[in-house]
Amino acid sequence: MKFLMLVVVDPSLEEKEEPPIPIEQWVDETYGAGKATDGDRLRPPADAKTVRRRGGTVIVTDGPFAETHEWIAGFDVLEAASLEEAIEIAARHPMATSGLIELRPTWPLDL
């Protein structure tokens, strides 16, 4: 199964615990085992553009769509046998202790 793993920063988090492993180790283990196939950091929300099409007109605005204190800082595409395995992989990511990880199973168009 394929999962999109969104790495989310939560600046309001007051107590941060030590991550289980450094990010470099997570990347080596996860990508090295073929459990992640793509991923990267994202520029901050101030660099984002929101694109809409309404009544035939394209509307481009600065910043993210939603007003929130949390923001998506990066992503990884996981290949896991099950949701449980994807959760195990996500739980070892260092940002799981100082932000949050959102997992979304992909939904192929041909289904």
N, C-alpha and C. Protein backbone atom coordinates (compact mmCIF):
# COMPACT_ATOMS: atom_id res chain seq x y z
N MET A 1 0.83 -1.17 0.00
CA MET A 1 0.00 0.00 0.00
C MET A 1 0.88 1.24 0.00
N LYS A 2 0.38 2.27 -0.66
CA LYS A 2 1.12 3.53 -0.72
C LYS A 2 0.44 4.55 0.20
N PHE A 3 1.26 5.31 0.93
CA PHE A 3 0.78 6.32 1.86
C PHE A 3 1.53 7.63 1.62
N LEU A 4 0.82 8.73 1.71
CA LEU A 4 1.47 10.03 1.74
C LEU A 4 1.63 10.39 3.21
N MET A 5 2.85 10.67 3.61
CA MET A 5 3.15 11.04 4.98
C MET A 5 3.46 12.52 5.00
N LEU A 6 2.58 13.31 5.61
CA LEU A 6 2.79 14.75 5.73
C LEU A 6 3.47 15.04 7.06
N VAL A 7 4.56 15.75 7.02
CA VAL A 7 5.32 16.12 8.21
C VAL A 7 4.90 17.53 8.58
N VAL A 8 4.29 17.68 9.76
CA VAL A 8 3.66 18.94 10.14
C VAL A 8 4.36 19.56 11.35
N VAL A 9 4.68 20.85 11.24
CA VAL A 9 5.27 21.60 12.33
C VAL A 9 4.15 22.16 13.19
N ASP A 10 4.31 22.06 14.50
CA ASP A 10 3.36 22.64 15.44
C ASP A 10 4.12 23.57 16.38
N PRO A 11 4.25 24.85 16.03
CA PRO A 11 5.03 25.77 16.86
C PRO A 11 4.41 26.04 18.23
N SER A 12 3.15 25.67 18.43
CA SER A 12 2.52 25.91 19.74
C SER A 12 2.87 24.84 20.76
N LEU A 13 3.51 23.77 20.32
CA LEU A 13 3.89 22.70 21.23
C LEU A 13 4.92 23.21 22.22
N GLU A 14 4.58 23.18 23.49
CA GLU A 14 5.46 23.73 24.51
C GLU A 14 6.50 22.73 25.00
N GLU A 15 6.11 21.49 25.20
CA GLU A 15 7.03 20.48 25.69
C GLU A 15 7.42 19.57 24.54
N LYS A 16 8.71 19.53 24.25
CA LYS A 16 9.21 18.70 23.17
C LYS A 16 10.07 17.59 23.76
N GLU A 17 9.79 16.37 23.33
CA GLU A 17 10.61 15.27 23.82
C GLU A 17 11.68 14.93 22.80
N GLU A 18 12.68 14.22 23.24
CA GLU A 18 13.78 13.82 22.38
C GLU A 18 13.27 12.85 21.31
N PRO A 19 13.61 13.07 20.04
CA PRO A 19 13.18 12.13 19.00
C PRO A 19 13.81 10.76 19.22
N PRO A 20 13.13 9.69 18.75
CA PRO A 20 13.68 8.35 18.94
C PRO A 20 14.99 8.14 18.20
N ILE A 21 15.12 8.78 17.02
CA ILE A 21 16.35 8.67 16.22
C ILE A 21 16.55 9.98 15.46
N PRO A 22 17.78 10.29 15.04
CA PRO A 22 18.01 11.49 14.23
C PRO A 22 17.39 11.31 12.83
N ILE A 23 17.07 12.43 12.18
CA ILE A 23 16.43 12.38 10.86
C ILE A 23 17.30 11.63 9.85
N GLU A 24 18.61 11.79 9.93
CA GLU A 24 19.49 11.10 8.98
C GLU A 24 19.36 9.59 9.11
N GLN A 25 19.23 9.10 10.33
CA GLN A 25 19.06 7.66 10.54
C GLN A 25 17.70 7.20 10.02
N TRP A 26 16.64 8.00 10.26
CA TRP A 26 15.31 7.65 9.76
C TRP A 26 15.33 7.55 8.24
N VAL A 27 15.97 8.53 7.59
CA VAL A 27 16.06 8.52 6.12
C VAL A 27 16.83 7.30 5.64
N ASP A 28 17.99 7.03 6.24
CA ASP A 28 18.80 5.87 5.84
C ASP A 28 18.01 4.57 5.99
N GLU A 29 17.37 4.40 7.14
CA GLU A 29 16.62 3.16 7.40
C GLU A 29 15.41 3.02 6.48
N THR A 30 14.63 4.08 6.36
CA THR A 30 13.37 4.01 5.63
C THR A 30 13.58 3.93 4.13
N TYR A 31 14.39 4.83 3.60
CA TYR A 31 14.65 4.80 2.16
C TYR A 31 15.54 3.62 1.80
N GLY A 32 16.48 3.29 2.68
CA GLY A 32 17.37 2.15 2.43
C GLY A 32 16.64 0.83 2.35
N ALA A 33 15.53 0.70 3.09
CA ALA A 33 14.74 -0.54 3.07
C ALA A 33 13.65 -0.50 2.00
N GLY A 34 13.60 0.57 1.22
CA GLY A 34 12.58 0.68 0.18
C GLY A 34 11.19 0.99 0.72
N LYS A 35 11.11 1.44 1.97
CA LYS A 35 9.81 1.76 2.59
C LYS A 35 9.37 3.18 2.28
N ALA A 36 10.27 4.02 1.74
CA ALA A 36 9.91 5.35 1.27
C ALA A 36 10.51 5.49 -0.13
N THR A 37 9.76 6.13 -1.01
CA THR A 37 10.19 6.23 -2.40
C THR A 37 10.45 7.66 -2.86
N ASP A 38 9.91 8.63 -2.15
CA ASP A 38 10.10 10.02 -2.52
C ASP A 38 9.80 10.90 -1.31
N GLY A 39 10.37 12.07 -1.27
CA GLY A 39 10.08 12.99 -0.19
C GLY A 39 11.01 14.17 -0.24
N ASP A 40 10.63 15.22 0.50
CA ASP A 40 11.46 16.41 0.54
C ASP A 40 10.92 17.36 1.59
N ARG A 41 11.72 18.36 1.92
CA ARG A 41 11.25 19.45 2.76
C ARG A 41 10.45 20.39 1.88
N LEU A 42 9.60 21.20 2.49
CA LEU A 42 8.85 22.21 1.77
C LEU A 42 9.24 23.59 2.27
N ARG A 43 9.19 24.57 1.39
CA ARG A 43 9.45 25.94 1.79
C ARG A 43 8.36 26.37 2.78
N PRO A 44 8.59 27.41 3.58
CA PRO A 44 7.60 27.85 4.58
C PRO A 44 6.31 28.36 3.94
N PRO A 45 5.24 28.42 4.72
CA PRO A 45 3.94 28.86 4.20
C PRO A 45 3.98 30.23 3.52
N ALA A 46 4.86 31.10 3.94
CA ALA A 46 4.96 32.43 3.32
C ALA A 46 5.32 32.34 1.85
N ASP A 47 5.93 31.23 1.43
CA ASP A 47 6.31 31.05 0.03
C ASP A 47 5.24 30.33 -0.77
N ALA A 48 4.13 29.96 -0.13
CA ALA A 48 3.08 29.20 -0.80
C ALA A 48 2.18 30.10 -1.65
N LYS A 49 1.56 29.52 -2.64
CA LYS A 49 0.53 30.15 -3.46
C LYS A 49 -0.69 29.23 -3.44
N THR A 50 -1.85 29.82 -3.35
CA THR A 50 -3.10 29.05 -3.44
C THR A 50 -3.73 29.40 -4.77
N VAL A 51 -4.10 28.36 -5.54
CA VAL A 51 -4.66 28.56 -6.87
C VAL A 51 -6.09 28.04 -6.90
N ARG A 52 -6.99 28.89 -7.38
CA ARG A 52 -8.41 28.51 -7.53
C ARG A 52 -8.85 28.90 -8.93
N ARG A 53 -9.84 28.20 -9.41
CA ARG A 53 -10.48 28.59 -10.67
C ARG A 53 -11.96 28.77 -10.37
N ARG A 54 -12.48 29.97 -10.56
CA ARG A 54 -13.88 30.29 -10.29
C ARG A 54 -14.44 31.07 -11.48
N GLY A 55 -15.54 30.58 -12.02
CA GLY A 55 -16.18 31.28 -13.14
C GLY A 55 -15.26 31.51 -14.31
N GLY A 56 -14.34 30.57 -14.56
CA GLY A 56 -13.41 30.69 -15.68
C GLY A 56 -12.21 31.57 -15.41
N THR A 57 -12.13 32.14 -14.20
CA THR A 57 -11.01 33.01 -13.84
C THR A 57 -10.09 32.28 -12.87
N VAL A 58 -8.79 32.37 -13.12
CA VAL A 58 -7.79 31.80 -12.22
C VAL A 58 -7.45 32.85 -11.17
N ILE A 59 -7.57 32.45 -9.91
CA ILE A 59 -7.29 33.34 -8.78
C ILE A 59 -6.10 32.77 -8.01
N VAL A 60 -5.05 33.55 -7.89
CA VAL A 60 -3.84 33.13 -7.17
C VAL A 60 -3.67 34.06 -5.98
N THR A 61 -3.56 33.46 -4.78
CA THR A 61 -3.35 34.25 -3.57
C THR A 61 -2.10 33.76 -2.86
N ASP A 62 -1.53 34.62 -2.04
CA ASP A 62 -0.33 34.27 -1.28
C ASP A 62 -0.71 33.40 -0.09
N GLY A 63 0.22 32.54 0.29
CA GLY A 63 0.09 31.77 1.51
C GLY A 63 -0.78 30.54 1.38
N PRO A 64 -0.88 29.81 2.47
CA PRO A 64 -1.66 28.57 2.47
C PRO A 64 -3.16 28.85 2.47
N PHE A 65 -3.90 27.84 2.11
CA PHE A 65 -5.37 27.94 2.06
C PHE A 65 -5.96 28.16 3.44
N ALA A 66 -5.52 27.39 4.42
CA ALA A 66 -6.12 27.43 5.76
C ALA A 66 -5.29 28.31 6.69
N GLU A 67 -5.97 29.05 7.53
CA GLU A 67 -5.30 29.83 8.57
C GLU A 67 -5.12 28.90 9.77
N THR A 68 -3.90 28.55 10.08
CA THR A 68 -3.62 27.65 11.18
C THR A 68 -2.21 27.91 11.68
N HIS A 69 -1.93 27.52 12.91
CA HIS A 69 -0.58 27.67 13.43
C HIS A 69 0.31 26.50 13.01
N GLU A 70 -0.30 25.39 12.62
CA GLU A 70 0.47 24.24 12.13
C GLU A 70 0.68 24.41 10.62
N TRP A 71 1.81 23.89 10.13
CA TRP A 71 2.04 23.96 8.70
C TRP A 71 2.83 22.75 8.23
N ILE A 72 2.57 22.35 6.99
CA ILE A 72 3.24 21.19 6.40
C ILE A 72 4.67 21.58 6.05
N ALA A 73 5.61 20.87 6.64
CA ALA A 73 7.03 21.18 6.45
C ALA A 73 7.71 20.25 5.46
N GLY A 74 7.09 19.11 5.18
CA GLY A 74 7.69 18.15 4.26
C GLY A 74 6.76 16.99 4.04
N PHE A 75 7.20 16.07 3.21
CA PHE A 75 6.39 14.90 2.89
C PHE A 75 7.29 13.73 2.52
N ASP A 76 6.75 12.55 2.65
CA ASP A 76 7.39 11.32 2.18
C ASP A 76 6.30 10.44 1.61
N VAL A 77 6.63 9.68 0.59
CA VAL A 77 5.72 8.68 0.05
C VAL A 77 6.21 7.33 0.56
N LEU A 78 5.35 6.67 1.34
CA LEU A 78 5.71 5.39 1.95
C LEU A 78 5.12 4.23 1.18
N GLU A 79 5.83 3.12 1.16
CA GLU A 79 5.33 1.85 0.65
C GLU A 79 5.32 0.91 1.84
N ALA A 80 4.13 0.54 2.29
CA ALA A 80 4.01 -0.31 3.48
C ALA A 80 3.00 -1.41 3.21
N ALA A 81 3.16 -2.54 3.87
CA ALA A 81 2.25 -3.67 3.68
C ALA A 81 0.88 -3.40 4.29
N SER A 82 0.83 -2.47 5.26
CA SER A 82 -0.44 -2.22 5.96
C SER A 82 -0.39 -0.84 6.60
N LEU A 83 -1.54 -0.39 7.07
CA LEU A 83 -1.60 0.87 7.82
C LEU A 83 -0.76 0.76 9.08
N GLU A 84 -0.78 -0.38 9.72
CA GLU A 84 -0.01 -0.58 10.95
C GLU A 84 1.48 -0.39 10.70
N GLU A 85 1.98 -0.93 9.58
CA GLU A 85 3.40 -0.76 9.25
C GLU A 85 3.70 0.71 8.95
N ALA A 86 2.81 1.40 8.25
CA ALA A 86 3.01 2.82 7.96
C ALA A 86 3.05 3.62 9.26
N ILE A 87 2.21 3.27 10.22
CA ILE A 87 2.22 3.95 11.52
C ILE A 87 3.54 3.72 12.23
N GLU A 88 4.07 2.50 12.18
CA GLU A 88 5.36 2.21 12.81
C GLU A 88 6.47 3.06 12.19
N ILE A 89 6.46 3.19 10.87
CA ILE A 89 7.46 4.00 10.18
C ILE A 89 7.32 5.47 10.59
N ALA A 90 6.09 5.97 10.57
CA ALA A 90 5.84 7.38 10.91
C ALA A 90 6.20 7.68 12.36
N ALA A 91 5.95 6.76 13.25
CA ALA A 91 6.21 6.97 14.67
C ALA A 91 7.70 7.13 14.97
N ARG A 92 8.56 6.61 14.10
CA ARG A 92 10.00 6.73 14.31
C ARG A 92 10.55 8.05 13.74
N HIS A 93 9.75 8.77 12.95
CA HIS A 93 10.21 10.03 12.37
C HIS A 93 10.41 11.05 13.49
N PRO A 94 11.52 11.77 13.51
CA PRO A 94 11.77 12.72 14.58
C PRO A 94 10.68 13.77 14.77
N MET A 95 9.99 14.16 13.72
CA MET A 95 8.95 15.19 13.86
C MET A 95 7.70 14.67 14.57
N ALA A 96 7.60 13.37 14.77
CA ALA A 96 6.46 12.83 15.51
C ALA A 96 6.50 13.30 16.97
N THR A 97 7.68 13.70 17.45
CA THR A 97 7.81 14.17 18.84
C THR A 97 7.72 15.68 18.98
N SER A 98 7.95 16.42 17.89
CA SER A 98 7.93 17.88 18.00
C SER A 98 6.93 18.54 17.06
N GLY A 99 6.13 17.74 16.41
CA GLY A 99 5.09 18.22 15.51
C GLY A 99 4.06 17.12 15.41
N LEU A 100 3.69 16.78 14.20
CA LEU A 100 2.82 15.62 14.00
C LEU A 100 3.03 15.08 12.61
N ILE A 101 2.64 13.84 12.44
CA ILE A 101 2.72 13.17 11.16
C ILE A 101 1.30 12.78 10.76
N GLU A 102 0.91 13.18 9.56
CA GLU A 102 -0.39 12.77 9.04
C GLU A 102 -0.16 11.74 7.95
N LEU A 103 -0.81 10.60 8.08
CA LEU A 103 -0.71 9.54 7.07
C LEU A 103 -2.01 9.49 6.27
N ARG A 104 -1.87 9.43 4.96
CA ARG A 104 -3.04 9.29 4.10
C ARG A 104 -2.78 8.19 3.10
N PRO A 105 -3.63 7.14 3.10
CA PRO A 105 -3.50 6.13 2.07
C PRO A 105 -3.84 6.76 0.71
N THR A 106 -3.13 6.38 -0.32
CA THR A 106 -3.46 6.90 -1.64
C THR A 106 -4.75 6.25 -2.12
N TRP A 107 -5.38 6.88 -3.07
CA TRP A 107 -6.66 6.42 -3.60
C TRP A 107 -6.54 6.45 -5.11
N PRO A 108 -6.00 5.38 -5.70
CA PRO A 108 -5.75 5.37 -7.14
C PRO A 108 -7.02 5.68 -7.94
N LEU A 109 -6.83 6.43 -9.03
CA LEU A 109 -7.95 6.85 -9.86
C LEU A 109 -8.66 5.68 -10.55
N ASP A 110 -7.97 4.57 -10.76
CA ASP A 110 -8.57 3.46 -11.49
C ASP A 110 -9.43 2.55 -10.62
N LEU A 111 -9.66 2.87 -9.37
CA LEU A 111 -10.51 2.05 -8.50
C LEU A 111 -11.90 2.57 -8.42
